[in-house]
C-alpha atoms as a PDB file:
ATOM      1  CA  MET A   1      56.541 -27.941-273.580  1.00  0.00           C
ATOM      2  CA  MET A   2      57.431 -25.300-271.372  1.00  0.00           C
ATOM      3  CA  THR A   3      60.723 -24.902-269.955  1.00  0.00           C
ATOM      4  CA  ILE A   4      60.781 -24.448-265.525  1.00  0.00           C
ATOM      5  CA  ALA A   5      64.024 -23.070-263.725  1.00  0.00           C
ATOM      6  CA  GLY A   6      66.603 -25.464-263.660  1.00  0.00           C
ATOM      7  CA  ALA A   7      66.475 -28.764-265.743  1.00  0.00           C
ATOM      8  CA  ALA A   8      62.615 -28.672-265.284  1.00  0.00           C
ATOM      9  CA  THR A   9      60.484 -29.705-268.140  1.00  0.00           C
ATOM     10  CA  ALA A  10      56.902 -30.550-267.935  1.00  0.00           C
ATOM     11  CA  THR A  11      53.544 -30.601-270.897  1.00  0.00           C
ATOM     12  CA  ALA A  12      50.026 -28.954-270.060  1.00  0.00           C
ATOM     13  CA  SER A  13      51.051 -29.183-266.220  1.00  0.00           C
ATOM     14  CA  SER A  14      52.673 -26.695-264.017  1.00  0.00           C
ATOM     15  CA  VAL A  15      55.708 -27.633-262.086  1.00  0.00           C
ATOM     16  CA  ILE A  16      57.452 -24.502-260.293  1.00  0.00           C
ATOM     17  CA  TRP A  17      60.657 -25.288-257.936  1.00  0.00           C
ATOM     18  CA  ARG A  18      60.330 -23.511-254.631  1.00  0.00           C
ATOM     19  CA  PRO A  19      58.275 -20.396-255.615  1.00  0.00           C
ATOM     20  CA  GLY A  20      59.725 -18.107-252.915  1.00  0.00           C
ATOM     21  CA  GLY A  21      62.072 -20.407-251.636  1.00  0.00           C
ATOM     22  CA  ARG A  22      61.529 -23.234-249.359  1.00  0.00           C
ATOM     23  CA  PRO A  23      59.084 -21.962-246.758  1.00  0.00           C
ATOM     24  CA  SER A  24      59.716 -22.216-242.974  1.00  0.00           C
ATOM     25  CA  ILE A  25      56.695 -22.995-241.285  1.00  0.00           C
ATOM     26  CA  GLY A  26      55.038 -25.926-242.033  1.00  0.00           C
ATOM     27  CA  VAL A  27      55.999 -28.606-244.527  1.00  0.00           C
ATOM     28  CA  PRO A  28      58.777 -27.052-246.051  1.00  0.00           C
ATOM     29  CA  TYR A  29      57.423 -27.334-249.789  1.00  0.00           C
ATOM     30  CA  ASP A  30      59.572 -27.644-252.575  1.00  0.00           C
ATOM     31  CA  TRP A  31      57.803 -28.677-255.925  1.00  0.00           C
ATOM     32  CA  VAL A  32      54.621 -27.515-256.881  1.00  0.00           C
ATOM     33  CA  VAL A  33      52.289 -29.654-259.267  1.00  0.00           C
ATOM     34  CA  THR A  34      49.164 -28.611-260.353  1.00  0.00           C
ATOM     35  CA  MET A  35      47.413 -31.101-262.861  1.00  0.00           C
ATOM     36  CA  ALA A  36      44.045 -31.720-264.498  1.00  0.00           C
ATOM     37  CA  GLY A  37      42.782 -34.318-266.828  1.00  0.00           C
ATOM     38  CA  THR A  38      45.245 -36.433-268.692  1.00  0.00           C
ATOM     39  CA  ASP A  39      48.394 -35.088-268.117  1.00  0.00           C
ATOM     40  CA  ILE A  40      52.135 -35.235-266.987  1.00  0.00           C
ATOM     41  CA  ALA A  41      54.585 -33.714-264.781  1.00  0.00           C
ATOM     42  CA  ARG A  42      58.622 -34.524-264.748  1.00  0.00           C
ATOM     43  CA  ASP A  43      61.536 -33.239-263.579  1.00  0.00           C
ATOM     44  CA  VAL A  44      65.155 -34.105-262.009  1.00  0.00           C
ATOM     45  CA  ARG A  45      66.847 -32.982-258.640  1.00  0.00           C
ATOM     46  CA  HIS A  46      68.516 -34.534-255.783  1.00  0.00           C
ATOM     47  CA  VAL A  47      68.321 -35.476-251.998  1.00  0.00           C
ATOM     48  CA  GLY A  48      70.343 -36.876-249.329  1.00  0.00           C
ATOM     49  CA  ALA A  49      71.535 -40.602-249.180  1.00  0.00           C
ATOM     50  CA  TRP A  50      69.035 -41.010-246.006  1.00  0.00           C
ATOM     51  CA  SER A  51      66.296 -38.242-246.750  1.00  0.00           C
ATOM     52  CA  TRP A  52      63.469 -40.877-246.145  1.00  0.00           C
ATOM     53  CA  GLU A  53      64.959 -42.832-244.193  1.00  0.00           C
ATOM     54  CA  ASP A  54      68.138 -42.479-241.450  1.00  0.00           C
ATOM     55  CA  ASN A  55      69.442 -46.092-241.631  1.00  0.00           C
ATOM     56  CA  ALA A  56      71.760 -45.410-239.528  1.00  0.00           C
ATOM     57  CA  LEU A  57      69.381 -44.305-236.199  1.00  0.00           C
ATOM     58  CA  PHE A  58      67.162 -47.335-237.092  1.00  0.00           C
ATOM     59  CA  ASP A  59      70.258 -49.685-236.817  1.00  0.00           C
ATOM     60  CA  GLU A  60      70.588 -47.876-233.595  1.00  0.00           C
ATOM     61  CA  GLY A  61      66.683 -49.102-232.635  1.00  0.00           C
ATOM     62  CA  GLU A  62      65.367 -45.491-233.156  1.00  0.00           C
ATOM     63  CA  PRO A  63      61.792 -45.321-235.097  1.00  0.00           C
ATOM     64  CA  THR A  64      61.924 -45.669-238.861  1.00  0.00           C
ATOM     65  CA  VAL A  65      62.653 -41.966-239.808  1.00  0.00           C
ATOM     66  CA  GLY A  66      62.992 -39.331-242.576  1.00  0.00           C
ATOM     67  CA  TRP A  67      64.985 -36.221-242.354  1.00  0.00           C
ATOM     68  CA  THR A  68      62.918 -33.345-243.545  1.00  0.00           C
ATOM     69  CA  HIS A  69      65.204 -31.184-244.812  1.00  0.00           C
ATOM     70  CA  THR A  70      67.254 -33.185-246.955  1.00  0.00           C
ATOM     71  CA  SER A  71      63.973 -35.084-248.271  1.00  0.00           C
ATOM     72  CA  ASP A  72      62.196 -33.081-251.161  1.00  0.00           C
ATOM     73  CA  TRP A  73      58.245 -32.647-250.518  1.00  0.00           C
ATOM     74  CA  VAL A  74      55.644 -31.570-253.093  1.00  0.00           C
ATOM     75  CA  LYS A  75      52.978 -29.646-252.938  1.00  0.00           C
ATOM     76  CA  LEU A  76      50.229 -31.336-255.770  1.00  0.00           C
ATOM     77  CA  SER A  77      47.014 -30.559-256.843  1.00  0.00           C
ATOM     78  CA  LEU A  78      44.846 -32.425-258.718  1.00  0.00           C
ATOM     79  CA  THR A  79      41.454 -31.107-260.875  1.00  0.00           C
ATOM     80  CA  GLY A  80      39.274 -33.683-260.994  1.00  0.00           C
ATOM     81  CA  ALA A  81      39.109 -37.256-260.122  1.00  0.00           C
ATOM     82  CA  THR A  82      41.792 -39.191-261.891  1.00  0.00           C
ATOM     83  CA  SER A  83      44.105 -42.133-261.655  1.00  0.00           C
ATOM     84  CA  PHE A  84      47.399 -40.660-260.337  1.00  0.00           C
ATOM     85  CA  THR A  85      50.566 -42.719-261.276  1.00  0.00           C
ATOM     86  CA  LEU A  86      54.035 -41.316-259.339  1.00  0.00           C
ATOM     87  CA  ARG A  87      57.081 -42.655-260.380  1.00  0.00           C
ATOM     88  CA  LEU A  88      60.880 -42.129-258.985  1.00  0.00           C
ATOM     89  CA  GLU A  89      63.884 -43.611-260.284  1.00  0.00           C
ATOM     90  CA  ARG A  90      67.323 -43.075-259.787  1.00  0.00           C
ATOM     91  CA  ALA A  91      69.116 -40.431-262.469  1.00  0.00           C
ATOM     92  CA  ALA A  92      72.691 -40.047-263.296  1.00  0.00           C
ATOM     93  CA  ASN A  93      74.400 -36.955-263.973  1.00  0.00           C
ATOM     94  CA  VAL A  94      72.420 -34.612-262.186  1.00  0.00           C
ATOM     95  CA  PRO A  95      74.335 -31.379-260.934  1.00  0.00           C
ATOM     96  CA  GLY A  96      74.983 -31.145-256.698  1.00  0.00           C
ATOM     97  CA  ALA A  97      74.799 -35.128-256.663  1.00  0.00           C
ATOM     98  CA  ALA A  98      76.790 -38.023-257.336  1.00  0.00           C
ATOM     99  CA  VAL A  99      77.411 -38.420-260.626  1.00  0.00           C
ATOM    100  CA  ASP A 100      75.899 -42.374-260.376  1.00  0.00           C
ATOM    101  CA  SER A 101      73.476 -42.189-258.024  1.00  0.00           C
ATOM    102  CA  LEU A 102      74.106 -45.702-257.172  1.00  0.00           C
ATOM    103  CA  SER A 103      72.811 -44.922-253.533  1.00  0.00           C
ATOM    104  CA  MET A 104      69.747 -43.657-254.204  1.00  0.00           C
ATOM    105  CA  PHE A 105      66.786 -46.105-253.684  1.00  0.00           C
ATOM    106  CA  PRO A 106      63.707 -43.743-254.116  1.00  0.00           C
ATOM    107  CA  SER A 107      61.164 -44.305-252.147  1.00  0.00           C
ATOM    108  CA  PHE A 108      58.065 -42.005-250.929  1.00  0.00           C
ATOM    109  CA  THR A 109      55.100 -41.379-248.448  1.00  0.00           C
ATOM    110  CA  LEU A 110      51.143 -39.611-249.231  1.00  0.00           C
ATOM    111  CA  TRP A 111      49.324 -37.713-248.091  1.00  0.00           C
ATOM    112  CA  SER A 112      45.958 -35.754-248.986  1.00  0.00           C
ATOM    113  CA  GLY A 113      45.784 -32.218-247.597  1.00  0.00           C
ATOM    114  CA  TRP A 114      48.338 -29.745-247.251  1.00  0.00           C
ATOM    115  CA  ASP A 115      50.384 -27.868-244.644  1.00  0.00           C
ATOM    116  CA  GLU A 116      51.623 -24.861-244.402  1.00  0.00           C
ATOM    117  CA  ASP A 117      51.851 -23.498-240.537  1.00  0.00           C
ATOM    118  CA  GLY A 118      53.218 -24.412-237.277  1.00  0.00           C
ATOM    119  CA  VAL A 119      56.746 -25.647-236.817  1.00  0.00           C
ATOM    120  CA  GLN A 120      59.080 -27.786-238.498  1.00  0.00           C
ATOM    121  CA  ASN A 121      60.889 -30.900-236.799  1.00  0.00           C
ATOM    122  CA  HIS A 122      64.410 -32.406-238.504  1.00  0.00           C
ATOM    123  CA  THR A 123      62.684 -35.526-238.950  1.00  0.00           C
ATOM    124  CA  TYR A 124      59.129 -37.341-240.045  1.00  0.00           C
ATOM    125  CA  ASN A 125      57.538 -40.090-239.277  1.00  0.00           C
ATOM    126  CA  ASN A 126      57.486 -42.040-243.028  1.00  0.00           C
ATOM    127  CA  THR A 127      55.555 -45.101-242.853  1.00  0.00           C
ATOM    128  CA  ASN A 128      51.959 -44.501-241.230  1.00  0.00           C
ATOM    129  CA  ASN A 129      49.036 -41.615-240.049  1.00  0.00           C
ATOM    130  CA  ALA A 130      51.115 -41.154-236.921  1.00  0.00           C
ATOM    131  CA  GLY A 131      53.295 -38.518-239.121  1.00  0.00           C
ATOM    132  CA  PRO A 132      55.061 -35.940-239.399  1.00  0.00           C
ATOM    133  CA  VAL A 133      52.758 -35.321-236.588  1.00  0.00           C
ATOM    134  CA  TRP A 134      54.337 -31.823-236.580  1.00  0.00           C
ATOM    135  CA  ALA A 135      52.034 -31.712-240.051  1.00  0.00           C
ATOM    136  CA  GLU A 136      48.690 -32.228-238.466  1.00  0.00           C
ATOM    137  CA  ASP A 137      46.561 -30.944-241.564  1.00  0.00           C
ATOM    138  CA  LEU A 138      48.042 -33.796-243.074  1.00  0.00           C
ATOM    139  CA  THR A 139      46.172 -37.693-243.298  1.00  0.00           C
ATOM    140  CA  TYR A 140      48.708 -40.818-244.343  1.00  0.00           C
ATOM    141  CA  ILE A 141      47.428 -42.359-247.717  1.00  0.00           C
ATOM    142  CA  ASP A 142      50.221 -44.734-248.408  1.00  0.00           C
ATOM    143  CA  HIS A 143      54.069 -45.314-248.758  1.00  0.00           C
ATOM    144  CA  TYR A 144      56.985 -47.376-250.616  1.00  0.00           C
ATOM    145  CA  ASP A 145      59.697 -48.403-248.364  1.00  0.00           C
ATOM    146  CA  ASN A 146      62.097 -49.393-250.865  1.00  0.00           C
ATOM    147  CA  SER A 147      65.878 -50.478-250.559  1.00  0.00           C
ATOM    148  CA  THR A 148      66.759 -52.841-253.607  1.00  0.00           C
ATOM    149  CA  ALA A 149      65.199 -51.659-256.711  1.00  0.00           C
ATOM    150  CA  THR A 150      66.359 -48.445-259.409  1.00  0.00           C
ATOM    151  CA  PHE A 151      62.801 -47.024-259.612  1.00  0.00           C
ATOM    152  CA  VAL A 152      59.470 -47.277-257.873  1.00  0.00           C
ATOM    153  CA  GLU A 153      55.996 -47.269-259.575  1.00  0.00           C
ATOM    154  CA  ARG A 154      52.679 -47.011-258.071  1.00  0.00           C
ATOM    155  CA  THR A 155      49.212 -45.442-258.903  1.00  0.00           C
ATOM    156  CA  TYR A 156      46.252 -44.421-256.817  1.00  0.00           C
ATOM    157  CA  SER A 157      42.254 -43.276-257.746  1.00  0.00           C
ATOM    158  CA  LEU A 158      42.404 -40.163-255.982  1.00  0.00           C
ATOM    159  CA  PRO A 159      39.668 -37.337-255.731  1.00  0.00           C
ATOM    160  CA  ASP A 160      40.457 -33.695-257.125  1.00  0.00           C
ATOM    161  CA  GLY A 161      41.989 -31.639-254.045  1.00  0.00           C
ATOM    162  CA  ASP A 162      45.520 -31.161-252.789  1.00  0.00           C
ATOM    163  CA  TYR A 163      48.051 -33.835-251.601  1.00  0.00           C
ATOM    164  CA  THR A 164      51.485 -33.592-249.969  1.00  0.00           C
ATOM    165  CA  ILE A 165      53.982 -36.182-251.220  1.00  0.00           C
ATOM    166  CA  VAL A 166      58.045 -36.459-249.953  1.00  0.00           C
ATOM    167  CA  LEU A 167      60.651 -37.886-251.880  1.00  0.00           C
ATOM    168  CA  GLY A 168      63.745 -39.518-250.737  1.00  0.00           C
ATOM    169  CA  SER A 169      66.277 -41.938-250.870  1.00  0.00           C
ATOM    170  CA  ASN A 170      66.494 -44.984-248.499  1.00  0.00           C
ATOM    171  CA  ALA A 171      70.488 -45.865-248.821  1.00  0.00           C
ATOM    172  CA  PRO A 172      72.789 -48.167-246.248  1.00  0.00           C
ATOM    173  CA  ALA A 173      73.772 -46.011-243.388  1.00  0.00           C
ATOM    174  CA  THR A 174      77.407 -46.121-244.997  1.00  0.00           C
ATOM    175  CA  ASP A 175      76.303 -43.818-247.981  1.00  0.00           C
ATOM    176  CA  THR A 176      76.388 -40.177-247.000  1.00  0.00           C
ATOM    177  CA  GLU A 177      76.465 -38.174-250.953  1.00  0.00           C
ATOM    178  CA  ARG A 178      73.483 -36.574-252.337  1.00  0.00           C
ATOM    179  CA  GLN A 179      71.913 -38.846-254.534  1.00  0.00           C
ATOM    180  CA  GLY A 180      69.286 -38.392-258.472  1.00  0.00           C
ATOM    181  CA  TYR A 181      66.173 -38.477-258.686  1.00  0.00           C
ATOM    182  CA  ARG A 182      63.675 -38.221-261.486  1.00  0.00           C
ATOM    183  CA  PHE A 183      60.346 -37.911-261.141  1.00  0.00           C
ATOM    184  CA  THR A 184      57.387 -38.740-263.280  1.00  0.00           C
ATOM    185  CA  PHE A 185      53.466 -38.189-262.607  1.00  0.00           C
ATOM    186  CA  THR A 186      50.858 -39.215-264.790  1.00  0.00           C
ATOM    187  CA  THR A 187      46.894 -38.720-264.293  1.00  0.00           C
ATOM    188  CA  VAL A 188      44.233 -40.144-266.740  1.00  0.00           C
ATOM    189  CA  PRO A 189      40.595 -39.039-265.849  1.00  0.00           C
ATOM    190  CA  GLU A 190      38.572 -41.556-263.545  1.00  0.00           C
ATOM    191  CA  PRO A 191      35.814 -43.721-265.888  1.00  0.00           C
ATOM    192  CA  SER A 192      33.288 -41.862-264.364  1.00  0.00           C
ATOM    193  CA  THR A 193      34.674 -38.563-264.222  1.00  0.00           C
ATOM    194  CA  ALA A 194      35.152 -39.066-268.438  1.00  0.00           C
ATOM    195  CA  LEU A 195      31.691 -40.496-268.923  1.00  0.00           C
ATOM    196  CA  MET A 196      30.324 -37.357-267.209  1.00  0.00           C
ATOM    197  CA  GLY A 197      32.322 -35.248-269.506  1.00  0.00           C
ATOM    198  CA  ALA A 198      31.173 -36.879-272.848  1.00  0.00           C
ATOM    199  CA  LEU A 199      27.579 -37.052-271.713  1.00  0.00           C
ATOM    200  CA  ALA A 200      27.522 -33.205-270.876  1.00  0.00           C
ATOM    201  CA  ALA A 201      29.345 -32.559-273.987  1.00  0.00           C
ATOM    202  CA  ILE A 202      26.003 -34.307-275.889  1.00  0.00           C
ATOM    203  CA  ALA A 203      23.841 -32.835-274.056  1.00  0.00           C
ATOM    204  CA  LEU A 204      25.142 -29.401-274.915  1.00  0.00           C
ATOM    205  CA  LEU A 205      25.331 -30.200-278.894  1.00  0.00           C
ATOM    206  CA  GLY A 206      21.863 -31.349-279.038  1.00  0.00           C
ATOM    207  CA  ARG A 207      20.867 -28.132-277.245  1.00  0.00           C
ATOM    208  CA  ARG A 208      22.405 -26.169-280.204  1.00  0.00           C
ATOM    209  CA  ARG A 209      21.207 -28.727-282.346  1.00  0.00           C
ATOM    210  CA  ARG A 210      17.827 -27.192-281.806  1.00  0.00           C
END
């Protein structure tokens, strides 16, 4: 195990919190995570109660949006095709957040690509390929809109490459305190990738025996 700044822990993965501070251009990445093979990465932090979805604006007829600077953004790199599982859940007693985090309704959006140039907007479109329009280098993959459960979890079959994830809460419009969360990312090589690795190892062993 290795210890990261704050309350962070990880295994063979690399999990870094805001290297050099939160960027002021492009996506304001908070976490930088690199994973390979069979791997796990986890940590705790806090976000705004309305971070992934501002229900006050939605109640006023505005489109579904999240707040850029009260959500947390993950800059993810996957080495090799993988089955990637994202679990996001409430975490109690996180410094800087409400003690119980009862208004944390974990929600997230996943894009392929990184965006590290251009201006930032205060809000982002959280549910489709139209957003965030100010992050033109991102391509929408999926989102999880949750307003009832204490945790969410979903698994994706992803090729190696770069990905962006935004983590946040979908709390009632009356709740304003910051909410603690825990993310857990796990990767397992896709069967085809594992098979190719095994065949390569067998071939190498055969050459060594000659």
